[in-house]
């Protein structure tokens, strides 16, 4: 479903030194598979997701979604790709502060041409799964950081995308809600056949993945099983 091939994106410091944010990264994700990419801050994780989302252009390499290289899409086609095929959860939530939680959550659905009444009906169960139903009418500006994080996830999943990119989706959540969100992402992945790429520095998130990679200094490697933390108890999950 997703095939990343020899992807490269370098930056340069004011002193002319290269920063190898993404340095020859290759991996693939099948439909219904959750792949986690683990690494510290500054390892290139966010840059990698932005390249897959066609939010920036690589220096070289390909990002094949289906049989298209999304790196070569024009602005209009890239916008359609992100609207109809892609769900993206970034560390900046892109919510409208004055709109209610539920109105923020349906924005993508309405942009696809869905009527608001139908969009409300579709998104309501997702808000409940994310423990946001009691906050549905509350303006986004009054939500906590964790609530805004979960709302951004609901918005990303609203259009039932074939590919979901999640950048630190548990970054603002406590342990209980982190595990609830990770369980939801894993369930959605399997229920809908969605390919999920999750980047994180939370080792607990790796337990929910079908495969895990380590990203450091822009280079990707298989994450060794012995590096994984002990699994949470069934009661915790």
Protein backbone atom coordinates (compact mmCIF):
# COMPACT_ATOMS: atom_id res chain seq x y z
CA UNK A 1 0.00 0.00 0.00
CA UNK A 2 2.84 2.36 1.01
CA UNK A 3 6.33 1.84 -0.43
CA UNK A 4 9.05 4.31 0.57
CA UNK A 5 12.15 3.94 -1.57
CA UNK A 6 15.59 5.45 -0.87
CA UNK A 7 14.09 8.68 0.47
CA UNK A 8 16.50 11.54 1.16
CA UNK A 9 15.95 14.98 2.68
CA UNK A 10 18.90 17.06 3.87
CA UNK A 11 19.02 20.54 5.36
CA UNK A 12 21.92 22.89 5.81
CA UNK A 13 22.84 24.93 8.85
CA UNK A 14 23.81 28.62 8.54
CA UNK A 15 27.42 27.39 8.72
CA UNK A 16 26.88 25.22 5.66
CA UNK A 17 26.90 21.92 7.58
CA UNK A 18 24.46 19.24 6.32
CA UNK A 19 21.69 17.92 8.55
CA UNK A 20 20.74 14.46 7.27
CA UNK A 21 17.11 14.45 8.43
CA UNK A 22 16.14 11.53 6.17
CA UNK A 23 19.06 9.67 4.65
CA UNK A 24 18.19 6.86 2.26
CA UNK A 25 15.11 5.53 4.08
CA UNK A 26 13.25 2.56 2.58
CA UNK A 27 10.36 0.57 4.04
CA UNK A 28 6.87 -0.66 3.08
CA UNK A 29 3.52 -0.89 4.88
CA UNK A 30 0.70 -3.16 3.77
CA UNK A 31 -3.03 -2.45 4.14
CA UNK A 32 -4.13 -3.37 7.65
CA UNK A 33 -0.60 -3.12 9.06
CA UNK A 34 0.66 -0.80 11.79
CA UNK A 35 4.35 0.09 11.56
CA UNK A 36 6.04 2.07 14.33
CA UNK A 37 9.16 4.18 13.82
CA UNK A 38 10.96 4.84 17.07
CA UNK A 39 13.58 7.48 17.71
CA UNK A 40 14.56 10.46 19.86
CA UNK A 41 13.61 14.04 19.13
CA UNK A 42 15.57 15.35 16.16
CA UNK A 43 16.05 11.93 14.59
CA UNK A 44 14.09 12.83 11.43
CA UNK A 45 10.71 11.26 12.29
CA UNK A 46 8.56 14.33 11.60
CA UNK A 47 10.41 15.13 8.36
CA UNK A 48 9.78 11.56 7.18
CA UNK A 49 6.03 11.87 7.82
CA UNK A 50 5.84 15.23 6.05
CA UNK A 51 7.50 13.70 2.99
CA UNK A 52 4.98 10.82 2.96
CA UNK A 53 2.15 13.35 3.35
CA UNK A 54 3.42 15.35 0.34
CA UNK A 55 3.85 18.39 2.60
CA UNK A 56 7.45 18.77 1.42
CA UNK A 57 9.54 17.50 -1.46
CA UNK A 58 12.46 15.09 -1.01
CA UNK A 59 15.91 15.64 -2.44
CA UNK A 60 15.61 12.19 -4.00
CA UNK A 61 13.70 8.94 -3.66
CA UNK A 62 10.06 7.90 -4.03
CA UNK A 63 6.94 7.57 -1.89
CA UNK A 64 4.57 5.20 -3.65
CA UNK A 65 0.99 5.09 -2.41
CA UNK A 66 -0.67 2.46 -4.52
CA UNK A 67 1.06 2.96 -7.85
CA UNK A 68 1.60 6.75 -7.60
CA UNK A 69 4.68 8.59 -6.45
CA UNK A 70 3.08 11.27 -4.25
CA UNK A 71 6.36 13.23 -4.22
CA UNK A 72 5.63 14.21 -7.82
CA UNK A 73 2.05 15.39 -7.29
CA UNK A 74 1.21 19.01 -8.05
CA UNK A 75 -0.28 21.17 -5.32
CA UNK A 76 -3.90 20.46 -6.27
CA UNK A 77 -3.45 16.69 -6.52
CA UNK A 78 -1.45 16.65 -3.28
CA UNK A 79 -4.33 18.42 -1.52
CA UNK A 80 -6.79 15.85 -2.88
CA UNK A 81 -4.50 13.05 -1.73
CA UNK A 82 -4.39 14.44 1.82
CA UNK A 83 -8.15 15.05 1.89
CA UNK A 84 -9.43 11.77 0.47
CA UNK A 85 -6.75 9.13 1.04
CA UNK A 86 -4.68 10.28 3.98
CA UNK A 87 -5.22 10.91 7.66
CA UNK A 88 -2.50 12.93 9.38
CA UNK A 89 -2.01 13.59 13.09
CA UNK A 90 0.78 16.12 13.57
CA UNK A 91 2.11 17.59 16.80
CA UNK A 92 0.39 20.87 15.85
CA UNK A 93 -3.29 19.97 15.89
CA UNK A 94 -4.66 22.46 13.30
CA UNK A 95 -7.95 22.98 15.15
CA UNK A 96 -10.14 26.09 14.93
CA UNK A 97 -10.27 27.51 18.47
CA UNK A 98 -13.79 28.99 18.25
CA UNK A 99 -15.46 25.89 16.80
CA UNK A 100 -16.86 23.14 18.96
CA UNK A 101 -15.03 19.84 19.20
CA UNK A 102 -17.55 18.07 16.99
CA UNK A 103 -17.48 20.84 14.37
CA UNK A 104 -13.69 20.59 14.23
CA UNK A 105 -13.96 16.82 13.90
CA UNK A 106 -16.24 16.97 10.84
CA UNK A 107 -14.24 19.57 8.88
CA UNK A 108 -12.59 17.01 6.60
CA UNK A 109 -15.88 15.21 5.99
CA UNK A 110 -17.64 18.43 5.01
CA UNK A 111 -14.70 19.35 2.75
CA UNK A 112 -15.29 16.09 0.84
CA UNK A 113 -18.89 17.20 0.15
CA UNK A 114 -20.67 15.29 2.91
CA UNK A 115 -23.70 17.02 4.44
CA UNK A 116 -23.19 18.17 8.03
CA UNK A 117 -26.00 16.00 9.41
CA UNK A 118 -24.42 12.86 7.94
CA UNK A 119 -20.98 13.99 9.10
CA UNK A 120 -22.23 14.41 12.68
CA UNK A 121 -23.71 10.91 12.59
CA UNK A 122 -20.45 9.42 11.33
CA UNK A 123 -18.14 11.18 13.79
CA UNK A 124 -20.18 10.76 16.98
CA UNK A 125 -19.16 7.10 17.61
CA UNK A 126 -15.49 8.01 17.09
CA UNK A 127 -15.72 10.82 19.65
CA UNK A 128 -17.22 8.31 22.09
CA UNK A 129 -14.40 5.81 21.46
CA UNK A 130 -11.91 8.57 22.25
CA UNK A 131 -13.76 9.61 25.43
CA UNK A 132 -14.70 12.99 23.92
CA UNK A 133 -18.48 12.67 23.70
CA UNK A 134 -18.98 14.81 26.82
CA UNK A 135 -16.84 17.54 25.24
CA UNK A 136 -18.49 17.47 21.80
CA UNK A 137 -20.11 20.92 22.08
CA UNK A 138 -17.22 22.56 23.91
CA UNK A 139 -15.11 25.04 21.88
CA UNK A 140 -11.67 23.70 21.07
CA UNK A 141 -9.99 26.60 22.88
CA UNK A 142 -11.28 25.25 26.19
CA UNK A 143 -10.08 21.68 25.68
CA UNK A 144 -7.02 20.37 27.46
CA UNK A 145 -3.91 19.42 25.49
CA UNK A 146 -4.81 15.74 25.73
CA UNK A 147 -8.37 16.39 24.57
CA UNK A 148 -7.11 18.38 21.59
CA UNK A 149 -4.75 15.53 20.76
CA UNK A 150 -7.61 13.01 20.76
CA UNK A 151 -9.79 15.40 18.74
CA UNK A 152 -7.08 15.66 16.08
CA UNK A 153 -7.04 11.86 15.89
CA UNK A 154 -10.83 11.75 15.47
CA UNK A 155 -10.58 14.32 12.67
CA UNK A 156 -7.81 12.36 10.93
CA UNK A 157 -9.82 9.13 11.07
CA UNK A 158 -13.13 10.72 10.07
CA UNK A 159 -12.76 10.12 6.33
CA UNK A 160 -11.72 6.48 6.82
CA UNK A 161 -8.37 7.03 5.07
CA UNK A 162 -6.45 4.20 3.49
CA UNK A 163 -3.21 5.53 5.05
CA UNK A 164 -2.84 7.13 8.49
CA UNK A 165 0.29 9.00 9.61
CA UNK A 166 0.56 9.69 13.34
CA UNK A 167 3.30 11.90 14.77
CA UNK A 168 3.64 11.26 18.53
CA UNK A 169 -0.12 10.59 18.93
CA UNK A 170 0.28 9.93 22.66
CA UNK A 171 2.58 12.84 23.38
CA UNK A 172 0.09 14.81 25.52
CA UNK A 173 -1.74 11.87 27.08
CA UNK A 174 -1.52 10.09 30.40
CA UNK A 175 -0.78 6.37 30.49
CA UNK A 176 -4.41 5.23 30.50
CA UNK A 177 -5.45 7.41 27.58
CA UNK A 178 -2.22 6.68 25.71
CA UNK A 179 -3.03 2.99 25.78
CA UNK A 180 -6.64 3.66 24.77
CA UNK A 181 -5.48 5.67 21.74
CA UNK A 182 -2.91 3.07 20.73
CA UNK A 183 -5.51 0.31 21.06
CA UNK A 184 -7.89 2.35 18.89
CA UNK A 185 -5.26 2.90 16.19
CA UNK A 186 -4.43 -0.81 16.14
CA UNK A 187 -8.14 -1.74 15.98
CA UNK A 188 -8.88 0.78 13.21
CA UNK A 189 -5.89 -0.51 11.28
CA UNK A 190 -7.30 -4.03 11.29
CA UNK A 191 -11.02 -3.24 11.09
CA UNK A 192 -10.70 -0.93 8.08
CA UNK A 193 -7.58 -2.29 6.43
CA UNK A 194 -5.84 1.02 7.04
CA UNK A 195 -2.06 1.22 6.72
CA UNK A 196 -0.70 3.09 9.75
CA UNK A 197 2.72 4.69 10.20
CA UNK A 198 3.23 5.82 13.79
CA UNK A 199 6.36 7.74 14.78
CA UNK A 200 7.13 7.97 18.46
CA UNK A 201 9.73 8.20 21.19
CA UNK A 202 7.37 6.28 23.53
CA UNK A 203 8.63 2.68 23.77
CA UNK A 204 5.21 1.49 24.99
CA UNK A 205 3.77 2.37 21.57
CA UNK A 206 5.96 -0.25 19.91
CA UNK A 207 3.98 -3.00 21.61
CA UNK A 208 0.96 -2.24 19.43
CA UNK A 209 2.87 -2.42 16.14
CA UNK A 210 3.19 -5.28 13.67
CA UNK A 211 6.75 -4.12 12.94
CA UNK A 212 9.03 -1.51 14.44
CA UNK A 213 12.02 0.40 13.11
CA UNK A 214 14.55 2.62 14.81
CA UNK A 215 15.35 5.99 13.19
CA UNK A 216 18.48 7.81 14.23
CA UNK A 217 20.28 10.59 12.35
CA UNK A 218 17.99 9.99 9.39
CA UNK A 219 18.85 6.31 9.00
CA UNK A 220 16.33 3.50 9.46
CA UNK A 221 17.09 0.07 10.93
CA UNK A 222 15.04 -2.83 12.25
CA UNK A 223 14.22 -2.36 15.90
CA UNK A 224 15.66 -5.30 17.86
CA UNK A 225 13.12 -7.30 19.92
CA UNK A 226 15.40 -7.19 22.95
CA UNK A 227 15.11 -3.39 22.92
CA UNK A 228 11.35 -3.55 23.48
CA UNK A 229 9.97 -2.85 26.96
CA UNK A 230 8.03 -5.47 28.89
CA UNK A 231 4.42 -5.69 27.65
CA UNK A 232 1.70 -4.04 29.73
CA UNK A 233 -0.62 -6.31 31.67
CA UNK A 234 -3.94 -7.29 30.16
CA UNK A 235 -5.68 -5.13 32.75
CA UNK A 236 -3.62 -2.10 31.70
CA UNK A 237 -4.36 -2.64 28.04
